[in-house]
C-alpha atoms as a PDB file:
ATOM      1  CA  MET A   1       0.220  -0.263   0.346  1.00  0.00           C
ATOM      2  CA  TYR A   2       1.280   3.175  -0.659  1.00  0.00           C
ATOM      3  CA  PRO A   3       0.122   6.337   1.804  1.00  0.00           C
ATOM      4  CA  ILE A   4      -1.300   9.496   0.471  1.00  0.00           C
ATOM      5  CA  GLU A   5       0.822  12.143   2.805  1.00  0.00           C
ATOM      6  CA  ARG A   6      -1.221  15.471   1.232  1.00  0.00           C
ATOM      7  CA  ALA A   7      -3.857  16.199  -1.269  1.00  0.00           C
ATOM      8  CA  GLU A   8      -4.534  19.603  -2.075  1.00  0.00           C
ATOM      9  CA  GLN A   9      -7.082  21.431  -4.896  1.00  0.00           C
ATOM     10  CA  LEU A  10      -5.471  23.330  -7.343  1.00  0.00           C
ATOM     11  CA  ASN A  11      -8.464  25.027  -8.682  1.00  0.00           C
ATOM     12  CA  ALA A  12     -12.101  23.599  -9.320  1.00  0.00           C
ATOM     13  CA  GLU A  13     -10.541  20.419 -11.647  1.00  0.00           C
ATOM     14  CA  VAL A  14      -7.463  19.278 -10.833  1.00  0.00           C
ATOM     15  CA  THR A  15      -5.416  17.962  -7.464  1.00  0.00           C
ATOM     16  CA  ARG A  16      -2.353  17.846  -6.456  1.00  0.00           C
ATOM     17  CA  MET A  17      -1.162  14.810  -4.411  1.00  0.00           C
ATOM     18  CA  VAL A  18       1.692  13.373  -2.670  1.00  0.00           C
ATOM     19  CA  VAL A  19       1.936   9.530  -2.704  1.00  0.00           C
ATOM     20  CA  ARG A  20       4.905   7.716  -0.409  1.00  0.00           C
ATOM     21  CA  ALA A  21       6.595   5.995  -2.584  1.00  0.00           C
ATOM     22  CA  PRO A  22      10.108   6.066  -1.604  1.00  0.00           C
ATOM     23  CA  GLU A  23      11.741   2.903  -4.066  1.00  0.00           C
ATOM     24  CA  ILE A  24      10.398   5.191  -6.980  1.00  0.00           C
ATOM     25  CA  ALA A  25      11.153   8.616  -5.642  1.00  0.00           C
ATOM     26  CA  ARG A  26      14.856   7.375  -5.505  1.00  0.00           C
ATOM     27  CA  LYS A  27      14.820   6.454  -9.532  1.00  0.00           C
ATOM     28  CA  ILE A  28      12.488   8.392 -11.279  1.00  0.00           C
ATOM     29  CA  LYS A  29      13.004  11.306 -13.944  1.00  0.00           C
ATOM     30  CA  PRO A  30      11.468  14.086 -15.837  1.00  0.00           C
ATOM     31  CA  GLY A  31       9.329  12.871 -18.447  1.00  0.00           C
ATOM     32  CA  GLN A  32       8.579   9.046 -16.479  1.00  0.00           C
ATOM     33  CA  PHE A  33       5.664   8.119 -15.366  1.00  0.00           C
ATOM     34  CA  ILE A  34       3.902   5.681 -12.704  1.00  0.00           C
ATOM     35  CA  MET A  35       0.530   3.482 -12.834  1.00  0.00           C
ATOM     36  CA  LEU A  36      -1.723   3.443  -9.881  1.00  0.00           C
ATOM     37  CA  ARG A  37      -4.718   1.558  -8.990  1.00  0.00           C
ATOM     38  CA  ILE A  38      -7.181   2.652  -6.022  1.00  0.00           C
ATOM     39  CA  ASP A  39      -7.688  -0.536  -4.978  1.00  0.00           C
ATOM     40  CA  GLU A  40      -7.419  -4.233  -5.850  1.00  0.00           C
ATOM     41  CA  ARG A  41     -10.454  -4.143  -8.176  1.00  0.00           C
ATOM     42  CA  GLY A  42      -9.804  -0.500  -9.456  1.00  0.00           C
ATOM     43  CA  GLU A  43      -8.474   0.456 -13.468  1.00  0.00           C
ATOM     44  CA  ARG A  44      -4.860   0.759 -13.677  1.00  0.00           C
ATOM     45  CA  ILE A  45      -4.024   4.278 -15.057  1.00  0.00           C
ATOM     46  CA  PRO A  46      -0.766   6.341 -15.710  1.00  0.00           C
ATOM     47  CA  LEU A  47      -0.284   9.407 -14.384  1.00  0.00           C
ATOM     48  CA  THR A  48       3.090  11.600 -14.978  1.00  0.00           C
ATOM     49  CA  MET A  49       5.524  12.607 -12.183  1.00  0.00           C
ATOM     50  CA  ASN A  50       5.290  16.389 -11.302  1.00  0.00           C
ATOM     51  CA  ASP A  51       7.827  16.183  -8.685  1.00  0.00           C
ATOM     52  CA  CYS A  52       9.702  13.928  -6.339  1.00  0.00           C
ATOM     53  CA  ASP A  53      11.498  14.426  -3.254  1.00  0.00           C
ATOM     54  CA  PRO A  54      13.945  11.374  -2.933  1.00  0.00           C
ATOM     55  CA  ASP A  55      14.810  12.422   0.900  1.00  0.00           C
ATOM     56  CA  ALA A  56      11.272  12.360   1.903  1.00  0.00           C
ATOM     57  CA  GLY A  57      10.738   9.189  -0.487  1.00  0.00           C
ATOM     58  CA  THR A  58       7.653  11.273  -1.846  1.00  0.00           C
ATOM     59  CA  VAL A  59       6.012  11.585  -5.164  1.00  0.00           C
ATOM     60  CA  THR A  60       3.933  14.011  -6.288  1.00  0.00           C
ATOM     61  CA  ILE A  61       1.096  13.738  -9.030  1.00  0.00           C
ATOM     62  CA  VAL A  62      -1.072  16.321 -10.632  1.00  0.00           C
ATOM     63  CA  PHE A  63      -4.251  14.898 -12.178  1.00  0.00           C
ATOM     64  CA  GLN A  64      -7.379  16.372 -13.103  1.00  0.00           C
ATOM     65  CA  ALA A  65     -11.068  14.522 -12.158  1.00  0.00           C
ATOM     66  CA  VAL A  66     -12.515  14.025 -15.108  1.00  0.00           C
ATOM     67  CA  GLY A  67     -12.964   9.819 -15.392  1.00  0.00           C
ATOM     68  CA  ALA A  68     -14.423   7.462 -13.198  1.00  0.00           C
ATOM     69  CA  THR A  69     -11.149   7.116 -11.121  1.00  0.00           C
ATOM     70  CA  THR A  70      -9.919  10.207 -11.085  1.00  0.00           C
ATOM     71  CA  LYS A  71     -13.403  11.502  -9.869  1.00  0.00           C
ATOM     72  CA  ARG A  72     -12.857   8.671  -6.788  1.00  0.00           C
ATOM     73  CA  LEU A  73      -9.146   9.561  -6.459  1.00  0.00           C
ATOM     74  CA  ALA A  74      -9.494  13.061  -6.091  1.00  0.00           C
ATOM     75  CA  GLN A  75     -12.159  12.549  -3.139  1.00  0.00           C
ATOM     76  CA  MET A  76      -9.622  10.543  -1.586  1.00  0.00           C
ATOM     77  CA  LYS A  77      -7.424  11.653   2.230  1.00  0.00           C
ATOM     78  CA  PRO A  78      -4.271  11.862   3.239  1.00  0.00           C
ATOM     79  CA  GLY A  79      -4.065   8.927   5.921  1.00  0.00           C
ATOM     80  CA  GLU A  80      -5.826   6.444   3.248  1.00  0.00           C
ATOM     81  CA  ALA A  81      -3.630   4.395   0.381  1.00  0.00           C
ATOM     82  CA  LEU A  82      -3.565   3.298  -2.898  1.00  0.00           C
ATOM     83  CA  HIS A  83      -3.567  -0.180  -3.445  1.00  0.00           C
ATOM     84  CA  ASP A  84      -0.560   0.204  -6.668  1.00  0.00           C
ATOM     85  CA  PHE A  85       1.885   2.864  -7.042  1.00  0.00           C
ATOM     86  CA  VAL A  86       3.965   1.495  -9.835  1.00  0.00           C
ATOM     87  CA  GLY A  87       7.333   3.043 -11.736  1.00  0.00           C
ATOM     88  CA  PRO A  88       9.114   4.670 -13.060  1.00  0.00           C
ATOM     89  CA  LEU A  89       8.035   3.818 -16.119  1.00  0.00           C
ATOM     90  CA  GLY A  90       8.767   5.153 -19.902  1.00  0.00           C
ATOM     91  CA  ASN A  91      11.814   7.302 -20.944  1.00  0.00           C
ATOM     92  CA  PRO A  92      12.831  10.634 -19.200  1.00  0.00           C
ATOM     93  CA  THR A  93      13.061  13.394 -21.181  1.00  0.00           C
ATOM     94  CA  GLU A  94      16.667  14.053 -22.997  1.00  0.00           C
ATOM     95  CA  LEU A  95      17.739  16.855 -21.416  1.00  0.00           C
ATOM     96  CA  GLU A  96      21.221  16.998 -21.522  1.00  0.00           C
ATOM     97  CA  GLY A  97      23.421  20.024 -22.737  1.00  0.00           C
ATOM     98  CA  VAL A  98      20.547  22.098 -23.153  1.00  0.00           C
ATOM     99  CA  ARG A  99      21.579  25.531 -22.734  1.00  0.00           C
ATOM    100  CA  ARG A 100      18.101  27.897 -23.653  1.00  0.00           C
ATOM    101  CA  ALA A 101      14.997  26.238 -23.909  1.00  0.00           C
ATOM    102  CA  CYS A 102      11.160  26.980 -23.888  1.00  0.00           C
ATOM    103  CA  VAL A 103       8.813  24.763 -22.268  1.00  0.00           C
ATOM    104  CA  ILE A 104       5.182  24.924 -23.158  1.00  0.00           C
ATOM    105  CA  GLY A 105       2.670  23.714 -21.115  1.00  0.00           C
ATOM    106  CA  GLY A 106      -1.203  23.709 -22.442  1.00  0.00           C
ATOM    107  CA  GLY A 107      -3.670  23.086 -19.326  1.00  0.00           C
ATOM    108  CA  LEU A 108      -3.300  20.144 -17.068  1.00  0.00           C
ATOM    109  CA  GLY A 109       0.343  19.382 -19.389  1.00  0.00           C
ATOM    110  CA  THR A 110       1.378  22.560 -17.126  1.00  0.00           C
ATOM    111  CA  ALA A 111       2.210  20.390 -13.870  1.00  0.00           C
ATOM    112  CA  ILE A 112       3.970  17.805 -16.346  1.00  0.00           C
ATOM    113  CA  ALA A 113       6.386  20.238 -18.400  1.00  0.00           C
ATOM    114  CA  TYR A 114       7.127  21.973 -14.777  1.00  0.00           C
ATOM    115  CA  PRO A 115       9.759  19.087 -13.846  1.00  0.00           C
ATOM    116  CA  GLN A 116      11.288  19.431 -16.805  1.00  0.00           C
ATOM    117  CA  ALA A 117      11.801  23.168 -16.518  1.00  0.00           C
ATOM    118  CA  LYS A 118      12.731  22.701 -13.429  1.00  0.00           C
ATOM    119  CA  TRP A 119      15.664  20.277 -13.995  1.00  0.00           C
ATOM    120  CA  LEU A 120      16.940  22.389 -16.593  1.00  0.00           C
ATOM    121  CA  TYR A 121      16.877  25.633 -14.779  1.00  0.00           C
ATOM    122  CA  ASP A 122      18.972  23.757 -11.401  1.00  0.00           C
ATOM    123  CA  HIS A 123      21.246  21.984 -14.159  1.00  0.00           C
ATOM    124  CA  GLY A 124      21.867  26.321 -15.690  1.00  0.00           C
ATOM    125  CA  CYS A 125      19.389  26.149 -18.623  1.00  0.00           C
ATOM    126  CA  GLU A 126      18.300  29.773 -19.350  1.00  0.00           C
ATOM    127  CA  VAL A 127      14.508  28.617 -19.535  1.00  0.00           C
ATOM    128  CA  ASP A 128      11.017  30.861 -20.721  1.00  0.00           C
ATOM    129  CA  VAL A 129       7.469  28.201 -19.658  1.00  0.00           C
ATOM    130  CA  ILE A 130       4.993  29.566 -21.878  1.00  0.00           C
ATOM    131  CA  THR A 131       1.317  28.256 -20.597  1.00  0.00           C
ATOM    132  CA  GLY A 132      -2.014  28.255 -21.882  1.00  0.00           C
ATOM    133  CA  PHE A 133      -4.810  27.949 -20.203  1.00  0.00           C
ATOM    134  CA  ARG A 134      -8.676  28.917 -20.596  1.00  0.00           C
ATOM    135  CA  THR A 135      -9.381  31.266 -18.241  1.00  0.00           C
ATOM    136  CA  ALA A 136      -6.847  32.941 -15.268  1.00  0.00           C
ATOM    137  CA  SER A 137      -9.011  30.535 -12.237  1.00  0.00           C
ATOM    138  CA  LEU A 138      -7.661  27.293 -13.912  1.00  0.00           C
ATOM    139  CA  SER A 139      -3.860  28.589 -14.073  1.00  0.00           C
ATOM    140  CA  ILE A 140      -1.868  26.113 -12.184  1.00  0.00           C
ATOM    141  CA  LEU A 141       1.625  26.376 -10.419  1.00  0.00           C
ATOM    142  CA  GLU A 142       3.055  30.036 -11.365  1.00  0.00           C
ATOM    143  CA  ASP A 143       4.544  30.591  -8.128  1.00  0.00           C
ATOM    144  CA  GLU A 144       6.557  27.348  -8.513  1.00  0.00           C
ATOM    145  CA  ILE A 145       7.177  28.170 -12.288  1.00  0.00           C
ATOM    146  CA  ALA A 146       8.685  31.964 -11.631  1.00  0.00           C
ATOM    147  CA  ALA A 147      11.168  30.415  -9.205  1.00  0.00           C
ATOM    148  CA  CYS A 148      12.788  27.857 -11.836  1.00  0.00           C
ATOM    149  CA  SER A 149      12.568  30.386 -14.813  1.00  0.00           C
ATOM    150  CA  ALA A 150      13.779  33.275 -16.652  1.00  0.00           C
ATOM    151  CA  ARG A 151      10.695  34.372 -18.024  1.00  0.00           C
ATOM    152  CA  GLN A 152       6.731  33.181 -17.548  1.00  0.00           C
ATOM    153  CA  ILE A 153       4.231  33.926 -19.829  1.00  0.00           C
ATOM    154  CA  VAL A 154       0.163  32.466 -19.097  1.00  0.00           C
ATOM    155  CA  MET A 155      -1.951  32.655 -21.779  1.00  0.00           C
ATOM    156  CA  THR A 156      -5.638  32.743 -21.698  1.00  0.00           C
ATOM    157  CA  ASP A 157      -8.014  32.000 -24.371  1.00  0.00           C
ATOM    158  CA  ASP A 158     -10.736  34.309 -22.859  1.00  0.00           C
ATOM    159  CA  GLY A 159      -8.118  37.096 -22.014  1.00  0.00           C
ATOM    160  CA  SER A 160      -9.193  37.135 -18.165  1.00  0.00           C
ATOM    161  CA  ASN A 161      -5.597  37.404 -16.738  1.00  0.00           C
ATOM    162  CA  GLY A 162      -4.875  40.512 -19.734  1.00  0.00           C
ATOM    163  CA  ASN A 163      -3.209  37.911 -21.724  1.00  0.00           C
ATOM    164  CA  LYS A 164      -5.445  36.589 -24.476  1.00  0.00           C
ATOM    165  CA  GLY A 165      -3.892  34.391 -27.152  1.00  0.00           C
ATOM    166  CA  LEU A 166      -2.674  31.012 -27.994  1.00  0.00           C
ATOM    167  CA  VAL A 167       1.255  29.402 -26.657  1.00  0.00           C
ATOM    168  CA  THR A 168       1.638  29.713 -30.368  1.00  0.00           C
ATOM    169  CA  GLN A 169       1.739  32.982 -30.411  1.00  0.00           C
ATOM    170  CA  ALA A 170       3.502  33.813 -27.451  1.00  0.00           C
ATOM    171  CA  LEU A 171       6.177  31.374 -28.653  1.00  0.00           C
ATOM    172  CA  GLN A 172       6.254  32.934 -32.056  1.00  0.00           C
ATOM    173  CA  GLN A 173       6.673  35.959 -30.372  1.00  0.00           C
ATOM    174  CA  ARG A 174       9.658  35.290 -28.447  1.00  0.00           C
ATOM    175  CA  ILE A 175      11.105  33.716 -31.799  1.00  0.00           C
ATOM    176  CA  ASP A 176      10.834  36.932 -33.628  1.00  0.00           C
ATOM    177  CA  GLU A 177      12.587  38.389 -30.290  1.00  0.00           C
ATOM    178  CA  GLY A 178      15.896  36.907 -31.051  1.00  0.00           C
ATOM    179  CA  ALA A 179      15.095  33.866 -28.767  1.00  0.00           C
ATOM    180  CA  ASP A 180      17.769  31.350 -29.473  1.00  0.00           C
ATOM    181  CA  TYR A 181      16.070  28.080 -27.882  1.00  0.00           C
ATOM    182  CA  ASP A 182      18.100  24.673 -28.859  1.00  0.00           C
ATOM    183  CA  LEU A 183      14.931  23.245 -27.600  1.00  0.00           C
ATOM    184  CA  VAL A 184      11.316  23.983 -27.581  1.00  0.00           C
ATOM    185  CA  LEU A 185       9.460  21.219 -25.247  1.00  0.00           C
ATOM    186  CA  ALA A 186       5.650  21.101 -25.577  1.00  0.00           C
ATOM    187  CA  VAL A 187       3.434  19.176 -23.314  1.00  0.00           C
ATOM    188  CA  GLY A 188      -1.007  19.466 -23.551  1.00  0.00           C
ATOM    189  CA  PRO A 189      -3.704  18.605 -25.747  1.00  0.00           C
ATOM    190  CA  VAL A 190      -2.140  16.754 -28.558  1.00  0.00           C
ATOM    191  CA  VAL A 191      -3.368  19.834 -31.149  1.00  0.00           C
ATOM    192  CA  MET A 192      -1.569  22.695 -28.560  1.00  0.00           C
ATOM    193  CA  MET A 193       1.344  20.306 -29.597  1.00  0.00           C
ATOM    194  CA  LYS A 194       0.736  19.853 -33.532  1.00  0.00           C
ATOM    195  CA  PHE A 195       0.759  23.388 -33.823  1.00  0.00           C
ATOM    196  CA  VAL A 196       4.206  24.317 -31.498  1.00  0.00           C
ATOM    197  CA  ALA A 197       5.976  21.633 -33.826  1.00  0.00           C
ATOM    198  CA  ALA A 198       4.647  23.679 -36.958  1.00  0.00           C
ATOM    199  CA  THR A 199       5.616  27.396 -35.446  1.00  0.00           C
ATOM    200  CA  THR A 200       9.382  25.677 -34.885  1.00  0.00           C
ATOM    201  CA  ARG A 201       9.594  24.003 -38.023  1.00  0.00           C
ATOM    202  CA  PRO A 202      10.647  26.422 -40.225  1.00  0.00           C
ATOM    203  CA  TYR A 203      13.558  27.412 -38.061  1.00  0.00           C
ATOM    204  CA  GLY A 204      14.709  24.019 -37.323  1.00  0.00           C
ATOM    205  CA  ILE A 205      14.471  24.369 -33.460  1.00  0.00           C
ATOM    206  CA  ARG A 206      14.851  20.679 -31.846  1.00  0.00           C
ATOM    207  CA  THR A 207      11.050  20.224 -30.448  1.00  0.00           C
ATOM    208  CA  LEU A 208      10.104  17.775 -28.143  1.00  0.00           C
ATOM    209  CA  VAL A 209       6.443  16.680 -27.552  1.00  0.00           C
ATOM    210  CA  SER A 210       5.171  14.351 -24.791  1.00  0.00           C
ATOM    211  CA  MET A 211       2.317  11.690 -26.154  1.00  0.00           C
ATOM    212  CA  ASN A 212       1.283  10.510 -22.911  1.00  0.00           C
ATOM    213  CA  PRO A 213      -2.627  12.102 -23.577  1.00  0.00           C
ATOM    214  CA  LEU A 214      -2.573   8.999 -25.714  1.00  0.00           C
ATOM    215  CA  MET A 215      -1.555   6.149 -22.922  1.00  0.00           C
ATOM    216  CA  ILE A 216      -3.596   3.409 -21.189  1.00  0.00           C
ATOM    217  CA  ASP A 217      -2.233   0.803 -19.827  1.00  0.00           C
ATOM    218  CA  GLY A 218       1.692   1.877 -19.545  1.00  0.00           C
ATOM    219  CA  THR A 219       3.211  -1.469 -20.848  1.00  0.00           C
ATOM    220  CA  GLY A 220       2.591  -1.490 -24.799  1.00  0.00           C
ATOM    221  CA  MET A 221       0.485  -4.686 -24.073  1.00  0.00           C
ATOM    222  CA  CYS A 222      -2.765  -3.138 -25.472  1.00  0.00           C
ATOM    223  CA  GLY A 223      -1.403  -1.079 -28.260  1.00  0.00           C
ATOM    224  CA  GLY A 224      -3.782   2.142 -27.591  1.00  0.00           C
ATOM    225  CA  CYS A 225      -0.826   4.374 -27.536  1.00  0.00           C
ATOM    226  CA  ARG A 226       0.732   3.591 -31.025  1.00  0.00           C
ATOM    227  CA  VAL A 227       1.468   6.915 -32.546  1.00  0.00           C
ATOM    228  CA  LYS A 228       3.141   7.436 -35.849  1.00  0.00           C
ATOM    229  CA  VAL A 229       7.079   9.012 -35.753  1.00  0.00           C
ATOM    230  CA  GLY A 230       8.417   9.262 -39.015  1.00  0.00           C
ATOM    231  CA  ASP A 231       8.000   5.920 -41.053  1.00  0.00           C
ATOM    232  CA  GLU A 232       7.670   4.082 -37.857  1.00  0.00           C
ATOM    233  CA  TYR A 233       5.037   3.172 -35.532  1.00  0.00           C
ATOM    234  CA  LEU A 234       6.142   3.326 -31.991  1.00  0.00           C
ATOM    235  CA  HIS A 235       4.180   3.017 -27.901  1.00  0.00           C
ATOM    236  CA  ALA A 236       4.193   6.479 -26.436  1.00  0.00           C
ATOM    237  CA  CYS A 237       4.839   4.258 -23.092  1.00  0.00           C
ATOM    238  CA  VAL A 238       7.155   1.965 -23.853  1.00  0.00           C
ATOM    239  CA  ASP A 239       9.635   3.766 -26.682  1.00  0.00           C
ATOM    240  CA  GLY A 240       8.230   7.386 -25.412  1.00  0.00           C
ATOM    241  CA  PRO A 241       6.214   9.273 -23.712  1.00  0.00           C
ATOM    242  CA  ASP A 242       8.757  11.874 -25.407  1.00  0.00           C
ATOM    243  CA  PHE A 243       9.136  11.894 -29.533  1.00  0.00           C
ATOM    244  CA  ASP A 244      10.468  14.212 -32.403  1.00  0.00           C
ATOM    245  CA  GLY A 245       7.301  16.499 -32.700  1.00  0.00           C
ATOM    246  CA  HIS A 246       8.627  17.305 -36.170  1.00  0.00           C
ATOM    247  CA  LEU A 247       8.321  13.640 -36.902  1.00  0.00           C
ATOM    248  CA  VAL A 248       5.065  12.705 -35.224  1.00  0.00           C
ATOM    249  CA  ASP A 249       1.935  12.516 -37.102  1.00  0.00           C
ATOM    250  CA  PHE A 250      -0.533  14.416 -34.938  1.00  0.00           C
ATOM    251  CA  ASP A 251      -3.930  14.057 -37.559  1.00  0.00           C
ATOM    252  CA  ASP A 252      -3.460  10.194 -36.871  1.00  0.00           C
ATOM    253  CA  ALA A 253      -2.974  10.891 -33.063  1.00  0.00           C
ATOM    254  CA  LEU A 254      -6.140  13.185 -32.978  1.00  0.00           C
ATOM    255  CA  ARG A 255      -8.405  10.232 -34.875  1.00  0.00           C
ATOM    256  CA  ARG A 256      -7.044   7.703 -32.170  1.00  0.00           C
ATOM    257  CA  GLY A 257      -7.522  10.071 -29.128  1.00  0.00           C
ATOM    258  CA  VAL A 258     -11.232  10.346 -29.625  1.00  0.00           C
ATOM    259  CA  MET A 259     -11.332   6.352 -30.334  1.00  0.00           C
ATOM    260  CA  TYR A 260     -12.474   5.708 -26.631  1.00  0.00           C
ATOM    261  CA  ARG A 261     -14.687   8.696 -25.607  1.00  0.00           C
ATOM    262  CA  SER A 262     -17.524   6.774 -25.823  1.00  0.00           C
ATOM    263  CA  PHE A 263     -15.900   3.677 -22.999  1.00  0.00           C
ATOM    264  CA  GLU A 264     -15.193   6.641 -20.871  1.00  0.00           C
ATOM    265  CA  ASP A 265     -18.596   7.807 -20.844  1.00  0.00           C
ATOM    266  CA  GLU A 266     -19.809   4.993 -20.567  1.00  0.00           C
ATOM    267  CA  ALA A 267     -17.261   4.093 -17.268  1.00  0.00           C
ATOM    268  CA  ARG A 268     -17.992   7.348 -15.372  1.00  0.00           C
ATOM    269  CA  ALA A 269     -22.096   6.785 -15.915  1.00  0.00           C
ATOM    270  CA  ALA A 270     -21.531   3.697 -13.968  1.00  0.00           C
ATOM    271  CA  ALA A 271     -19.325   5.295 -11.146  1.00  0.00           C
ATOM    272  CA  THR A 272     -21.461   8.460 -10.918  1.00  0.00           C
ATOM    273  CA  GLY A 273     -24.829   8.116 -12.446  1.00  0.00           C
ATOM    274  CA  ALA A 274     -24.527  10.816 -14.463  1.00  0.00           C
ATOM    275  CA  PRO A 275     -25.983  10.205 -17.596  1.00  0.00           C
ATOM    276  CA  ILE A 276     -23.891   9.280 -21.203  1.00  0.00           C
ATOM    277  CA  ASP A 277     -23.550  12.334 -23.370  1.00  0.00           C
ATOM    278  CA  GLU A 278     -24.205  11.187 -26.737  1.00  0.00           C
ATOM    279  CA  GLY A 279     -22.628  14.310 -28.067  1.00  0.00           C
ATOM    280  CA  ARG A 280     -19.359  13.122 -27.710  1.00  0.00           C
ATOM    281  CA  ALA A 281     -19.817   9.443 -29.056  1.00  0.00           C
ATOM    282  CA  CYS A 282     -17.127   9.290 -31.650  1.00  0.00           C
ATOM    283  CA  ASP A 283     -18.291   8.544 -35.462  1.00  0.00           C
ATOM    284  CA  GLY A 284     -15.914   9.342 -38.692  1.00  0.00           C
ATOM    285  CA  LYS A 285     -17.196  12.758 -38.705  1.00  0.00           C
ATOM    286  CA  ALA A 286     -16.324  13.960 -35.735  1.00  0.00           C
ATOM    287  CA  ALA A 287     -12.275  11.763 -35.786  1.00  0.00           C
ATOM    288  CA  SER A 288     -11.932  14.034 -39.230  1.00  0.00           C
ATOM    289  CA  GLU A 289     -12.892  17.329 -37.218  1.00  0.00           C
ATOM    290  CA  VAL A 290     -10.364  16.648 -34.666  1.00  0.00           C
ATOM    291  CA  ALA A 291      -7.773  15.505 -36.809  1.00  0.00           C
ATOM    292  CA  ALA A 292      -8.613  18.326 -39.016  1.00  0.00           C
ATOM    293  CA  GLY A 293      -6.175  20.787 -36.170  1.00  0.00           C
ATOM    294  CA  GLN A 294      -9.267  22.515 -34.411  1.00  0.00           C
ATOM    295  CA  ARG A 295      -6.717  24.965 -32.668  1.00  0.00           C
ATOM    296  CA  LYS A 296      -8.962  25.469 -29.307  1.00  0.00           C
ATOM    297  CA  GLY A 297      -6.227  25.269 -26.706  1.00  0.00           C
ATOM    298  CA  ALA A 298      -3.306  25.860 -29.208  1.00  0.00           C
END
């Protein structure tokens, strides 16, 4: 069993939880993830590490209560324990030797991008961090990011923080201003990462994207996280989660990302009694519309 030491709401949708897992805390690195189960009959879900404290033996996860399991997880309190907490899984982000970087987080992806930004900053890299949220009330980790970045830019879809726009607009502005990045790292909605890669491609800036939104079982067995990178199909959970953003077939990933919505809705309805949203059911038209690259959140 893995005791929950702390749990707090970062906003109305997002929870930060500190779990005691000494062996994982000693080994886990930025970009890697864990698999957890609440109880012995529970669903296994992957969550990427937000922070760790090897001395205290704790691993921090940040998650949004959207599915049946994460809704249950968000209700758990310090003193309770998780049945399984397995890791580290996946490959660490390749950050060695980077001298000037831009780390981009979209929504909850900000929590996953934070440990990369912190590692880079701690190893002498000049780090800009750009984050994007639907509205200012959903912004997270601004103080933590301020402590490990040379510059922090927070964008909102509705302009409620006085800075309306997309993360790609902020990135383009920094490039136009002469920011000489040797790495751009993007974590967030697949469509956002698609347009980040499109922004950096003309400049030849090395761009890594985290394909963790596709992961399901975390072992490569289910095949649900297959992602086309260049001329081959890889698995986000065992070959990634990070890949060269200029080689990823984002349209294929977007189609895959909506394949399981009806199953998610059924599981949520069974757990909460909420009605199934028939409008979210995946059909060919919905998948093609998503793959066409709707810019929401980019």
